[in-house]
Amino acid sequence: KNKLMYIGRVIMALGLIFLAMDAMAIALI
């Protein structure tokens, strides 16, 4: 709860961004 939840969302967002970048790169091969 509290701010840790939003910090978790930020970290999760970073993970999704990096995963999506890898997936886009694979799709473009």
PDB file of all heavy atoms in Angstrom:
ATOM      1  N   LYS A   1       0.833  -1.204   0.000  1.00  0.00           N
ATOM      2  CA  LYS A   1       0.000   0.000   0.000  1.00  0.00           C
ATOM      3  C   LYS A   1       0.866   1.252   0.000  1.00  0.00           C
ATOM      4  O   LYS A   1       2.080   1.202   0.071  1.00  0.00           O
ATOM      5  CB  LYS A   1      -0.930   0.001   1.216  1.00  0.00           C
ATOM      6  CG  LYS A   1      -1.960  -1.118   1.192  1.00  0.00           C
ATOM      7  CD  LYS A   1      -2.888  -1.039   2.390  1.00  0.00           C
ATOM      8  CE  LYS A   1      -3.953  -2.137   2.340  1.00  0.00           C
ATOM      9  NZ  LYS A   1      -4.877  -2.071   3.503  1.00  0.00           N
ATOM     10  N   ASN A   2       0.183   2.393  -0.044  1.00  0.00           N
ATOM     11  CA  ASN A   2       0.819   3.713  -0.003  1.00  0.00           C
ATOM     12  C   ASN A   2       1.758   3.913  -1.188  1.00  0.00           C
ATOM     13  O   ASN A   2       1.535   3.387  -2.269  1.00  0.00           O
ATOM     14  CB  ASN A   2       1.542   3.919   1.330  1.00  0.00           C
ATOM     15  CG  ASN A   2       0.582   3.814   2.512  1.00  0.00           C
ATOM     16  OD1 ASN A   2      -0.561   4.234   2.398  1.00  0.00           O
ATOM     17  ND2 ASN A   2       1.025   3.233   3.609  1.00  0.00           N
ATOM     18  N   LYS A   3       2.865   4.630  -0.974  1.00  0.00           N
ATOM     19  CA  LYS A   3       3.756   5.005  -2.059  1.00  0.00           C
ATOM     20  C   LYS A   3       4.475   3.808  -2.666  1.00  0.00           C
ATOM     21  O   LYS A   3       4.850   3.831  -3.842  1.00  0.00           O
ATOM     22  CB  LYS A   3       4.788   6.040  -1.583  1.00  0.00           C
ATOM     23  CG  LYS A   3       4.197   7.416  -1.353  1.00  0.00           C
ATOM     24  CD  LYS A   3       5.295   8.444  -1.072  1.00  0.00           C
ATOM     25  CE  LYS A   3       4.688   9.837  -0.928  1.00  0.00           C
ATOM     26  NZ  LYS A   3       5.734  10.855  -0.675  1.00  0.00           N
ATOM     27  N   LEU A   4       4.677   2.753  -1.872  1.00  0.00           N
ATOM     28  CA  LEU A   4       5.373   1.574  -2.395  1.00  0.00           C
ATOM     29  C   LEU A   4       4.613   0.960  -3.567  1.00  0.00           C
ATOM     30  O   LEU A   4       5.219   0.420  -4.493  1.00  0.00           O
ATOM     31  CB  LEU A   4       5.558   0.537  -1.286  1.00  0.00           C
ATOM     32  CG  LEU A   4       6.659   0.826  -0.256  1.00  0.00           C
ATOM     33  CD1 LEU A   4       6.646  -0.215   0.848  1.00  0.00           C
ATOM     34  CD2 LEU A   4       8.028   0.862  -0.940  1.00  0.00           C
ATOM     35  N   MET A   5       3.286   1.062  -3.527  1.00  0.00           N
ATOM     36  CA  MET A   5       2.480   0.523  -4.613  1.00  0.00           C
ATOM     37  C   MET A   5       2.780   1.259  -5.915  1.00  0.00           C
ATOM     38  O   MET A   5       2.939   0.639  -6.975  1.00  0.00           O
ATOM     39  CB  MET A   5       0.988   0.646  -4.286  1.00  0.00           C
ATOM     40  CG  MET A   5       0.075   0.112  -5.373  1.00  0.00           C
ATOM     41  SD  MET A   5      -1.677   0.245  -4.946  1.00  0.00           S
ATOM     42  CE  MET A   5      -1.917   2.021  -5.042  1.00  0.00           C
ATOM     43  N   TYR A   6       2.899   2.595  -5.839  1.00  0.00           N
ATOM     44  CA  TYR A   6       3.167   3.390  -7.036  1.00  0.00           C
ATOM     45  C   TYR A   6       4.613   3.225  -7.502  1.00  0.00           C
ATOM     46  O   TYR A   6       4.896   3.242  -8.701  1.00  0.00           O
ATOM     47  CB  TYR A   6       2.847   4.860  -6.765  1.00  0.00           C
ATOM     48  CG  TYR A   6       1.373   5.087  -6.536  1.00  0.00           C
ATOM     49  CD1 TYR A   6       0.866   5.309  -5.259  1.00  0.00           C
ATOM     50  CD2 TYR A   6       0.483   5.035  -7.604  1.00  0.00           C
ATOM     51  CE1 TYR A   6      -0.492   5.482  -5.060  1.00  0.00           C
ATOM     52  CE2 TYR A   6      -0.877   5.211  -7.405  1.00  0.00           C
ATOM     53  CZ  TYR A   6      -1.361   5.439  -6.133  1.00  0.00           C
ATOM     54  OH  TYR A   6      -2.706   5.604  -5.942  1.00  0.00           O
ATOM     55  N   ILE A   7       5.528   3.044  -6.558  1.00  0.00           N
ATOM     56  CA  ILE A   7       6.918   2.740  -6.933  1.00  0.00           C
ATOM     57  C   ILE A   7       6.961   1.408  -7.680  1.00  0.00           C
ATOM     58  O   ILE A   7       7.674   1.244  -8.668  1.00  0.00           O
ATOM     59  CB  ILE A   7       7.825   2.702  -5.685  1.00  0.00           C
ATOM     60  CG1 ILE A   7       7.947   4.114  -5.083  1.00  0.00           C
ATOM     61  CG2 ILE A   7       9.212   2.157  -6.036  1.00  0.00           C
ATOM     62  CD1 ILE A   7       8.650   4.156  -3.746  1.00  0.00           C
ATOM     63  N   GLY A   8       6.164   0.425  -7.177  1.00  0.00           N
ATOM     64  CA  GLY A   8       6.048  -0.869  -7.849  1.00  0.00           C
ATOM     65  C   GLY A   8       5.507  -0.727  -9.260  1.00  0.00           C
ATOM     66  O   GLY A   8       5.970  -1.405 -10.187  1.00  0.00           O
ATOM     67  N   ARG A   9       4.540   0.179  -9.442  1.00  0.00           N
ATOM     68  CA  ARG A   9       3.976   0.407 -10.778  1.00  0.00           C
ATOM     69  C   ARG A   9       5.024   0.973 -11.722  1.00  0.00           C
ATOM     70  O   ARG A   9       5.070   0.616 -12.905  1.00  0.00           O
ATOM     71  CB  ARG A   9       2.781   1.344 -10.682  1.00  0.00           C
ATOM     72  CG  ARG A   9       1.538   0.703 -10.081  1.00  0.00           C
ATOM     73  CD  ARG A   9       0.400   1.682  -9.907  1.00  0.00           C
ATOM     74  NE  ARG A   9      -0.016   2.282 -11.162  1.00  0.00           N
ATOM     75  CZ  ARG A   9      -1.053   3.114 -11.284  1.00  0.00           C
ATOM     76  NH1 ARG A   9      -1.772   3.414 -10.215  1.00  0.00           N
ATOM     77  NH2 ARG A   9      -1.356   3.625 -12.461  1.00  0.00           N
ATOM     78  N   VAL A  10       5.876   1.855 -11.198  1.00  0.00           N
ATOM     79  CA  VAL A  10       6.950   2.441 -12.009  1.00  0.00           C
ATOM     80  C   VAL A  10       7.926   1.353 -12.449  1.00  0.00           C
ATOM     81  O   VAL A  10       8.326   1.272 -13.623  1.00  0.00           O
ATOM     82  CB  VAL A  10       7.701   3.548 -11.232  1.00  0.00           C
ATOM     83  CG1 VAL A  10       8.936   3.998 -12.000  1.00  0.00           C
ATOM     84  CG2 VAL A  10       6.781   4.733 -10.962  1.00  0.00           C
ATOM     85  N   ILE A  11       8.324   0.488 -11.512  1.00  0.00           N
ATOM     86  CA  ILE A  11       9.264  -0.593 -11.819  1.00  0.00           C
ATOM     87  C   ILE A  11       8.633  -1.583 -12.791  1.00  0.00           C
ATOM     88  O   ILE A  11       9.271  -2.062 -13.739  1.00  0.00           O
ATOM     89  CB  ILE A  11       9.717  -1.307 -10.526  1.00  0.00           C
ATOM     90  CG1 ILE A  11      10.488  -0.313  -9.628  1.00  0.00           C
ATOM     91  CG2 ILE A  11      10.590  -2.515 -10.844  1.00  0.00           C
ATOM     92  CD1 ILE A  11      10.819  -0.859  -8.253  1.00  0.00           C
ATOM     93  N   MET A  12       7.356  -1.907 -12.570  1.00  0.00           N
ATOM     94  CA  MET A  12       6.626  -2.781 -13.484  1.00  0.00           C
ATOM     95  C   MET A  12       6.585  -2.171 -14.886  1.00  0.00           C
ATOM     96  O   MET A  12       6.787  -2.868 -15.894  1.00  0.00           O
ATOM     97  CB  MET A  12       5.204  -3.008 -12.971  1.00  0.00           C
ATOM     98  CG  MET A  12       4.265  -3.708 -13.956  1.00  0.00           C
ATOM     99  SD  MET A  12       4.726  -5.434 -14.285  1.00  0.00           S
ATOM    100  CE  MET A  12       3.954  -6.238 -12.886  1.00  0.00           C
ATOM    101  N   ALA A  13       6.335  -0.867 -14.959  1.00  0.00           N
ATOM    102  CA  ALA A  13       6.277  -0.167 -16.246  1.00  0.00           C
ATOM    103  C   ALA A  13       7.611  -0.275 -16.984  1.00  0.00           C
ATOM    104  O   ALA A  13       7.647  -0.513 -18.198  1.00  0.00           O
ATOM    105  CB  ALA A  13       5.909   1.296 -16.035  1.00  0.00           C
ATOM    106  N   LEU A  14       8.707  -0.114 -16.255  1.00  0.00           N
ATOM    107  CA  LEU A  14      10.033  -0.260 -16.868  1.00  0.00           C
ATOM    108  C   LEU A  14      10.206  -1.659 -17.452  1.00  0.00           C
ATOM    109  O   LEU A  14      10.705  -1.823 -18.567  1.00  0.00           O
ATOM    110  CB  LEU A  14      11.126   0.010 -15.831  1.00  0.00           C
ATOM    111  CG  LEU A  14      11.519   1.463 -15.591  1.00  0.00           C
ATOM    112  CD1 LEU A  14      12.459   1.567 -14.393  1.00  0.00           C
ATOM    113  CD2 LEU A  14      12.169   2.065 -16.829  1.00  0.00           C
ATOM    114  N   GLY A  15       9.788  -2.666 -16.685  1.00  0.00           N
ATOM    115  CA  GLY A  15       9.875  -4.044 -17.159  1.00  0.00           C
ATOM    116  C   GLY A  15       9.070  -4.257 -18.427  1.00  0.00           C
ATOM    117  O   GLY A  15       9.539  -4.890 -19.386  1.00  0.00           O
ATOM    118  N   LEU A  16       7.846  -3.713 -18.471  1.00  0.00           N
ATOM    119  CA  LEU A  16       6.992  -3.852 -19.650  1.00  0.00           C
ATOM    120  C   LEU A  16       7.604  -3.154 -20.866  1.00  0.00           C
ATOM    121  O   LEU A  16       7.543  -3.669 -21.992  1.00  0.00           O
ATOM    122  CB  LEU A  16       5.606  -3.270 -19.359  1.00  0.00           C
ATOM    123  CG  LEU A  16       4.728  -4.054 -18.373  1.00  0.00           C
ATOM    124  CD1 LEU A  16       3.439  -3.294 -18.083  1.00  0.00           C
ATOM    125  CD2 LEU A  16       4.410  -5.449 -18.913  1.00  0.00           C
ATOM    126  N   ILE A  17       8.207  -1.982 -20.625  1.00  0.00           N
ATOM    127  CA  ILE A  17       8.838  -1.235 -21.717  1.00  0.00           C
ATOM    128  C   ILE A  17       9.980  -2.042 -22.327  1.00  0.00           C
ATOM    129  O   ILE A  17      10.086  -2.182 -23.553  1.00  0.00           O
ATOM    130  CB  ILE A  17       9.340   0.141 -21.217  1.00  0.00           C
ATOM    131  CG1 ILE A  17       8.150   1.071 -20.954  1.00  0.00           C
ATOM    132  CG2 ILE A  17      10.290   0.778 -22.235  1.00  0.00           C
ATOM    133  CD1 ILE A  17       8.529   2.343 -20.201  1.00  0.00           C
ATOM    134  N   PHE A  18      10.834  -2.607 -21.472  1.00  0.00           N
ATOM    135  CA  PHE A  18      11.982  -3.367 -21.974  1.00  0.00           C
ATOM    136  C   PHE A  18      11.542  -4.667 -22.656  1.00  0.00           C
ATOM    137  O   PHE A  18      12.104  -5.067 -23.682  1.00  0.00           O
ATOM    138  CB  PHE A  18      12.958  -3.673 -20.830  1.00  0.00           C
ATOM    139  CG  PHE A  18      13.590  -2.433 -20.245  1.00  0.00           C
ATOM    140  CD1 PHE A  18      13.701  -2.274 -18.870  1.00  0.00           C
ATOM    141  CD2 PHE A  18      14.068  -1.424 -21.060  1.00  0.00           C
ATOM    142  CE1 PHE A  18      14.280  -1.140 -18.326  1.00  0.00           C
ATOM    143  CE2 PHE A  18      14.648  -0.282 -20.531  1.00  0.00           C
ATOM    144  CZ  PHE A  18      14.753  -0.137 -19.157  1.00  0.00           C
ATOM    145  N   LEU A  19      10.514  -5.328 -22.091  1.00  0.00           N
ATOM    146  CA  LEU A  19       9.977  -6.532 -22.728  1.00  0.00           C
ATOM    147  C   LEU A  19       9.391  -6.212 -24.101  1.00  0.00           C
ATOM    148  O   LEU A  19       9.598  -6.951 -25.075  1.00  0.00           O
ATOM    149  CB  LEU A  19       8.899  -7.159 -21.835  1.00  0.00           C
ATOM    150  CG  LEU A  19       9.359  -8.007 -20.650  1.00  0.00           C
ATOM    151  CD1 LEU A  19       8.158  -8.419 -19.801  1.00  0.00           C
ATOM    152  CD2 LEU A  19      10.118  -9.256 -21.134  1.00  0.00           C
ATOM    153  N   ALA A  20       8.647  -5.103 -24.176  1.00  0.00           N
ATOM    154  CA  ALA A  20       8.029  -4.707 -25.441  1.00  0.00           C
ATOM    155  C   ALA A  20       9.080  -4.367 -26.490  1.00  0.00           C
ATOM    156  O   ALA A  20       8.923  -4.694 -27.675  1.00  0.00           O
ATOM    157  CB  ALA A  20       7.095  -3.505 -25.210  1.00  0.00           C
ATOM    158  N   MET A  21      10.172  -3.703 -26.062  1.00  0.00           N
ATOM    159  CA  MET A  21      11.251  -3.373 -26.994  1.00  0.00           C
ATOM    160  C   MET A  21      11.865  -4.647 -27.575  1.00  0.00           C
ATOM    161  O   MET A  21      12.125  -4.736 -28.780  1.00  0.00           O
ATOM    162  CB  MET A  21      12.329  -2.548 -26.287  1.00  0.00           C
ATOM    163  CG  MET A  21      11.908  -1.143 -25.898  1.00  0.00           C
ATOM    164  SD  MET A  21      11.582  -0.079 -27.327  1.00  0.00           S
ATOM    165  CE  MET A  21      13.207   0.079 -28.019  1.00  0.00           C
ATOM    166  N   ASP A  22      12.104  -5.636 -26.731  1.00  0.00           N
ATOM    167  CA  ASP A  22      12.651  -6.911 -27.212  1.00  0.00           C
ATOM    168  C   ASP A  22      11.675  -7.597 -28.168  1.00  0.00           C
ATOM    169  O   ASP A  22      12.080  -8.151 -29.198  1.00  0.00           O
ATOM    170  CB  ASP A  22      12.942  -7.835 -26.023  1.00  0.00           C
ATOM    171  CG  ASP A  22      14.306  -7.563 -25.397  1.00  0.00           C
ATOM    172  OD1 ASP A  22      15.009  -6.662 -25.896  1.00  0.00           O
ATOM    173  OD2 ASP A  22      14.659  -8.235 -24.411  1.00  0.00           O
ATOM    174  N   ALA A  23      10.393  -7.561 -27.814  1.00  0.00           N
ATOM    175  CA  ALA A  23       9.373  -8.209 -28.652  1.00  0.00           C
ATOM    176  C   ALA A  23       9.261  -7.518 -30.009  1.00  0.00           C
ATOM    177  O   ALA A  23       9.113  -8.181 -31.049  1.00  0.00           O
ATOM    178  CB  ALA A  23       8.020  -8.193 -27.936  1.00  0.00           C
ATOM    179  N   MET A  24       9.342  -6.189 -30.027  1.00  0.00           N
ATOM    180  CA  MET A  24       9.300  -5.450 -31.291  1.00  0.00           C
ATOM    181  C   MET A  24      10.498  -5.808 -32.161  1.00  0.00           C
ATOM    182  O   MET A  24      10.389  -5.957 -33.378  1.00  0.00           O
ATOM    183  CB  MET A  24       9.250  -3.940 -31.040  1.00  0.00           C
ATOM    184  CG  MET A  24       7.874  -3.414 -30.638  1.00  0.00           C
ATOM    185  SD  MET A  24       7.753  -1.607 -30.685  1.00  0.00           S
ATOM    186  CE  MET A  24       8.706  -1.137 -29.247  1.00  0.00           C
ATOM    187  N   ALA A  25      11.667  -5.913 -31.521  1.00  0.00           N
ATOM    188  CA  ALA A  25      12.889  -6.251 -32.258  1.00  0.00           C
ATOM    189  C   ALA A  25      12.765  -7.635 -32.902  1.00  0.00           C
ATOM    190  O   ALA A  25      13.151  -7.840 -34.059  1.00  0.00           O
ATOM    191  CB  ALA A  25      14.097  -6.214 -31.329  1.00  0.00           C
ATOM    192  N   ILE A  26      12.205  -8.586 -32.156  1.00  0.00           N
ATOM    193  CA  ILE A  26      12.023  -9.953 -32.678  1.00  0.00           C
ATOM    194  C   ILE A  26      11.027  -9.945 -33.847  1.00  0.00           C
ATOM    195  O   ILE A  26      11.230 -10.602 -34.868  1.00  0.00           O
ATOM    196  CB  ILE A  26      11.546 -10.896 -31.556  1.00  0.00           C
ATOM    197  CG1 ILE A  26      12.663 -11.087 -30.511  1.00  0.00           C
ATOM    198  CG2 ILE A  26      11.109 -12.243 -32.127  1.00  0.00           C
ATOM    199  CD1 ILE A  26      12.215 -11.780 -29.243  1.00  0.00           C
ATOM    200  N   ALA A  27       9.945  -9.170 -33.693  1.00  0.00           N
ATOM    201  CA  ALA A  27       8.923  -9.107 -34.740  1.00  0.00           C
ATOM    202  C   ALA A  27       9.462  -8.485 -36.028  1.00  0.00           C
ATOM    203  O   ALA A  27       8.989  -8.797 -37.124  1.00  0.00           O
ATOM    204  CB  ALA A  27       7.724  -8.309 -34.244  1.00  0.00           C
ATOM    205  N   LEU A  28      10.460  -7.624 -35.901  1.00  0.00           N
ATOM    206  CA  LEU A  28      11.003  -6.930 -37.076  1.00  0.00           C
ATOM    207  C   LEU A  28      12.047  -7.752 -37.836  1.00  0.00           C
ATOM    208  O   LEU A  28      12.391  -7.406 -38.962  1.00  0.00           O
ATOM    209  CB  LEU A  28      11.629  -5.593 -36.649  1.00  0.00           C
ATOM    210  CG  LEU A  28      10.658  -4.458 -36.296  1.00  0.00           C
ATOM    211  CD1 LEU A  28      11.413  -3.270 -35.734  1.00  0.00           C
ATOM    212  CD2 LEU A  28       9.851  -4.035 -37.517  1.00  0.00           C
ATOM    213  N   ILE A  29      12.557  -8.819 -37.232  1.00  0.00           N
ATOM    214  CA  ILE A  29      13.640  -9.599 -37.868  1.00  0.00           C
ATOM    215  C   ILE A  29      13.260 -10.071 -39.283  1.00  0.00           C
ATOM    216  O   ILE A  29      14.005  -9.826 -40.238  1.00  0.00           O
ATOM    217  CB  ILE A  29      14.050 -10.790 -36.975  1.00  0.00           C
ATOM    218  CG1 ILE A  29      14.794 -10.278 -35.736  1.00  0.00           C
ATOM    219  CG2 ILE A  29      14.942 -11.758 -37.753  1.00  0.00           C
ATOM    220  CD1 ILE A  29      15.113 -11.360 -34.711  1.00  0.00           C
TER     221      ILE A  29
END
